[in-house]
């Protein structure tokens, strides 16, 4: 089974729950939602995502609800 890997900086710890911000919609009607993920191993740069994300989703870093950076997911 293939798992996804994303930069660890995209993952937030909210009261023990690991979450990421995901962009949905098109460029005119973009929405951002927080999704809970289950994480696996991490090397302090990248973290394995065991569940909670799909390979076609765009993960973003948000700063006061403004998109700062986006990253496509990579299967490992």
N, C-alpha and C. Protein backbone atom coordinates (compact mmCIF):
# COMPACT_ATOMS: atom_id res chain seq x y z
N UNK A 1 0.84 -1.18 0.00
CA UNK A 1 0.00 0.00 0.00
C UNK A 1 0.89 1.25 0.00
N UNK A 2 0.54 2.21 -0.85
CA UNK A 2 1.29 3.45 -0.91
C UNK A 2 0.72 4.47 0.06
N UNK A 3 1.60 5.20 0.69
CA UNK A 3 1.19 6.27 1.59
C UNK A 3 1.70 7.59 1.03
N UNK A 4 1.09 8.65 1.45
CA UNK A 4 1.50 9.99 1.03
C UNK A 4 2.56 10.52 1.99
N UNK A 5 3.34 11.45 1.50
CA UNK A 5 4.35 12.12 2.32
C UNK A 5 4.27 13.61 2.04
N UNK A 6 4.23 14.42 3.10
CA UNK A 6 4.21 15.87 2.95
C UNK A 6 5.23 16.49 3.89
N UNK A 7 5.66 17.71 3.59
CA UNK A 7 6.56 18.39 4.53
C UNK A 7 5.90 18.53 5.91
N UNK A 8 6.64 18.26 6.92
CA UNK A 8 6.11 18.28 8.30
C UNK A 8 5.53 19.63 8.69
N UNK A 9 6.02 20.70 8.10
CA UNK A 9 5.56 22.05 8.43
C UNK A 9 4.07 22.25 8.11
N UNK A 10 3.51 21.43 7.24
CA UNK A 10 2.10 21.54 6.87
C UNK A 10 1.17 20.94 7.93
N UNK A 11 1.72 20.20 8.87
CA UNK A 11 0.90 19.49 9.87
C UNK A 11 0.83 20.29 11.15
N UNK A 12 -0.39 20.44 11.66
CA UNK A 12 -0.62 21.17 12.91
C UNK A 12 -1.14 20.19 13.95
N UNK A 13 -0.73 20.39 15.20
CA UNK A 13 -1.23 19.58 16.31
C UNK A 13 -2.28 20.40 17.05
N UNK A 14 -3.53 19.99 16.95
CA UNK A 14 -4.64 20.67 17.62
C UNK A 14 -5.20 19.76 18.71
N UNK A 15 -4.78 20.01 19.94
CA UNK A 15 -5.24 19.21 21.09
C UNK A 15 -5.03 17.72 20.87
N UNK A 16 -3.86 17.36 20.36
CA UNK A 16 -3.53 15.96 20.15
C UNK A 16 -3.97 15.40 18.81
N UNK A 17 -4.73 16.16 18.04
CA UNK A 17 -5.17 15.72 16.72
C UNK A 17 -4.27 16.38 15.67
N UNK A 18 -3.79 15.58 14.75
CA UNK A 18 -2.96 16.10 13.66
C UNK A 18 -3.90 16.55 12.54
N UNK A 19 -3.71 17.79 12.08
CA UNK A 19 -4.56 18.33 11.03
C UNK A 19 -3.72 19.03 9.97
N UNK A 20 -4.32 19.17 8.77
CA UNK A 20 -3.73 19.93 7.68
C UNK A 20 -4.83 20.80 7.08
N UNK A 21 -4.43 21.88 6.41
CA UNK A 21 -5.36 22.72 5.68
C UNK A 21 -5.33 22.28 4.22
N UNK A 22 -6.53 22.08 3.65
CA UNK A 22 -6.66 21.60 2.28
C UNK A 22 -7.45 22.62 1.47
N UNK A 23 -6.98 22.90 0.26
CA UNK A 23 -7.66 23.81 -0.65
C UNK A 23 -8.62 23.00 -1.50
N UNK A 24 -9.84 23.51 -1.65
CA UNK A 24 -10.81 22.87 -2.54
C UNK A 24 -11.46 23.94 -3.40
N UNK A 25 -12.10 23.53 -4.47
CA UNK A 25 -12.72 24.48 -5.37
C UNK A 25 -11.74 24.95 -6.42
N UNK A 26 -12.21 25.85 -7.28
CA UNK A 26 -11.34 26.37 -8.33
C UNK A 26 -10.72 27.69 -7.88
N UNK A 27 -9.95 28.32 -8.77
CA UNK A 27 -9.22 29.53 -8.38
C UNK A 27 -10.14 30.69 -8.03
N UNK A 28 -11.33 30.74 -8.60
CA UNK A 28 -12.27 31.82 -8.28
C UNK A 28 -13.07 31.56 -7.02
N UNK A 29 -13.30 30.30 -6.73
CA UNK A 29 -14.13 29.94 -5.57
C UNK A 29 -13.38 29.01 -4.63
N UNK A 30 -12.16 29.35 -4.30
CA UNK A 30 -11.36 28.50 -3.42
C UNK A 30 -11.89 28.52 -2.00
N UNK A 31 -11.89 27.36 -1.40
CA UNK A 31 -12.24 27.21 0.01
C UNK A 31 -11.11 26.45 0.68
N UNK A 32 -10.92 26.73 1.95
CA UNK A 32 -9.90 26.05 2.72
C UNK A 32 -10.57 25.38 3.91
N UNK A 33 -10.26 24.10 4.09
CA UNK A 33 -10.85 23.40 5.23
C UNK A 33 -9.77 22.59 5.95
N UNK A 34 -9.97 22.46 7.23
CA UNK A 34 -9.06 21.70 8.06
C UNK A 34 -9.48 20.24 8.04
N UNK A 35 -8.51 19.35 7.83
CA UNK A 35 -8.80 17.91 7.82
C UNK A 35 -7.91 17.21 8.82
N UNK A 36 -8.47 16.28 9.54
CA UNK A 36 -7.69 15.47 10.47
C UNK A 36 -7.00 14.36 9.69
N UNK A 37 -5.74 14.12 10.01
CA UNK A 37 -4.97 13.07 9.35
C UNK A 37 -4.34 12.15 10.38
N UNK A 38 -4.07 10.94 9.94
CA UNK A 38 -3.32 9.99 10.76
C UNK A 38 -1.92 9.94 10.18
N UNK A 39 -0.92 10.22 11.02
CA UNK A 39 0.46 10.28 10.55
C UNK A 39 1.24 9.03 10.91
N UNK A 40 2.28 8.78 10.11
CA UNK A 40 3.18 7.65 10.35
C UNK A 40 4.55 8.17 10.73
N UNK A 41 5.56 7.63 10.09
CA UNK A 41 6.94 8.01 10.43
C UNK A 41 7.27 9.40 9.91
N UNK A 42 8.22 10.03 10.59
CA UNK A 42 8.65 11.38 10.22
C UNK A 42 10.16 11.48 10.39
N UNK A 43 10.79 12.24 9.49
CA UNK A 43 12.22 12.47 9.62
C UNK A 43 12.52 13.94 9.95
N UNK A 44 11.56 14.62 10.52
CA UNK A 44 11.63 16.03 10.88
C UNK A 44 11.52 16.97 9.68
N UNK A 45 11.65 16.46 8.46
CA UNK A 45 11.42 17.27 7.26
C UNK A 45 10.10 16.87 6.61
N UNK A 46 9.87 15.58 6.49
CA UNK A 46 8.67 15.04 5.87
C UNK A 46 7.99 14.06 6.80
N UNK A 47 6.67 13.98 6.65
CA UNK A 47 5.88 13.08 7.49
C UNK A 47 4.98 12.23 6.60
N UNK A 48 4.92 10.96 6.90
CA UNK A 48 4.06 10.03 6.19
C UNK A 48 2.61 10.23 6.64
N UNK A 49 1.70 10.29 5.68
CA UNK A 49 0.27 10.40 5.97
C UNK A 49 -0.37 9.05 5.70
N UNK A 50 -0.88 8.43 6.75
CA UNK A 50 -1.47 7.10 6.63
C UNK A 50 -2.93 7.16 6.17
N UNK A 51 -3.65 8.18 6.61
CA UNK A 51 -5.04 8.34 6.19
C UNK A 51 -5.49 9.78 6.41
N UNK A 52 -6.56 10.16 5.72
CA UNK A 52 -7.14 11.48 5.88
C UNK A 52 -6.96 12.39 4.69
N UNK A 53 -6.04 12.03 3.77
CA UNK A 53 -5.80 12.83 2.57
C UNK A 53 -5.83 11.94 1.33
N UNK A 54 -6.20 12.57 0.21
CA UNK A 54 -6.15 11.89 -1.08
C UNK A 54 -4.99 12.48 -1.88
N UNK A 55 -4.46 11.72 -2.80
CA UNK A 55 -3.29 12.16 -3.55
C UNK A 55 -3.56 13.37 -4.43
N UNK A 56 -4.82 13.65 -4.76
CA UNK A 56 -5.12 14.80 -5.62
C UNK A 56 -5.45 16.07 -4.84
N UNK A 57 -5.39 16.04 -3.52
CA UNK A 57 -5.70 17.22 -2.71
C UNK A 57 -4.48 18.13 -2.60
N UNK A 58 -4.73 19.43 -2.48
CA UNK A 58 -3.66 20.42 -2.32
C UNK A 58 -3.64 20.86 -0.87
N UNK A 59 -2.50 20.65 -0.23
CA UNK A 59 -2.30 21.03 1.17
C UNK A 59 -1.65 22.41 1.19
N UNK A 60 -2.14 23.27 2.06
CA UNK A 60 -1.61 24.63 2.13
C UNK A 60 -1.19 24.97 3.56
N UNK A 61 -0.28 25.92 3.65
CA UNK A 61 0.05 26.52 4.94
C UNK A 61 -0.75 27.79 5.00
N UNK A 62 -1.48 27.99 6.08
CA UNK A 62 -2.27 29.21 6.14
C UNK A 62 -1.75 30.10 7.25
N UNK A 63 -1.82 31.39 7.00
CA UNK A 63 -1.45 32.40 7.97
C UNK A 63 -2.60 33.39 8.01
N UNK A 64 -3.38 33.32 9.07
CA UNK A 64 -4.57 34.16 9.20
C UNK A 64 -5.48 34.01 7.98
N UNK A 65 -5.70 32.74 7.58
CA UNK A 65 -6.59 32.35 6.50
C UNK A 65 -6.15 32.84 5.12
N UNK A 66 -4.89 33.23 4.98
CA UNK A 66 -4.35 33.58 3.68
C UNK A 66 -3.41 32.46 3.25
N UNK A 67 -3.54 32.07 2.01
CA UNK A 67 -2.67 31.01 1.50
C UNK A 67 -1.25 31.53 1.38
N UNK A 68 -0.31 30.82 1.97
CA UNK A 68 1.08 31.21 1.92
C UNK A 68 1.83 30.31 0.94
N UNK A 69 1.59 29.04 1.01
CA UNK A 69 2.33 28.10 0.19
C UNK A 69 1.46 26.88 -0.03
N UNK A 70 1.57 26.25 -1.21
CA UNK A 70 0.84 25.02 -1.45
C UNK A 70 1.81 23.95 -1.88
N UNK A 71 1.39 22.71 -1.71
CA UNK A 71 2.28 21.60 -2.05
C UNK A 71 1.43 20.45 -2.56
N UNK A 72 1.80 19.90 -3.69
CA UNK A 72 1.15 18.69 -4.18
C UNK A 72 1.67 17.52 -3.36
N UNK A 73 0.84 16.53 -3.21
CA UNK A 73 1.21 15.37 -2.41
C UNK A 73 2.00 14.38 -3.24
N UNK A 74 2.92 13.66 -2.61
CA UNK A 74 3.72 12.66 -3.28
C UNK A 74 3.43 11.31 -2.66
N UNK A 75 3.23 10.31 -3.50
CA UNK A 75 3.08 8.94 -3.00
C UNK A 75 4.46 8.37 -2.79
N UNK A 76 4.61 7.60 -1.71
CA UNK A 76 5.89 6.94 -1.42
C UNK A 76 5.71 5.45 -1.52
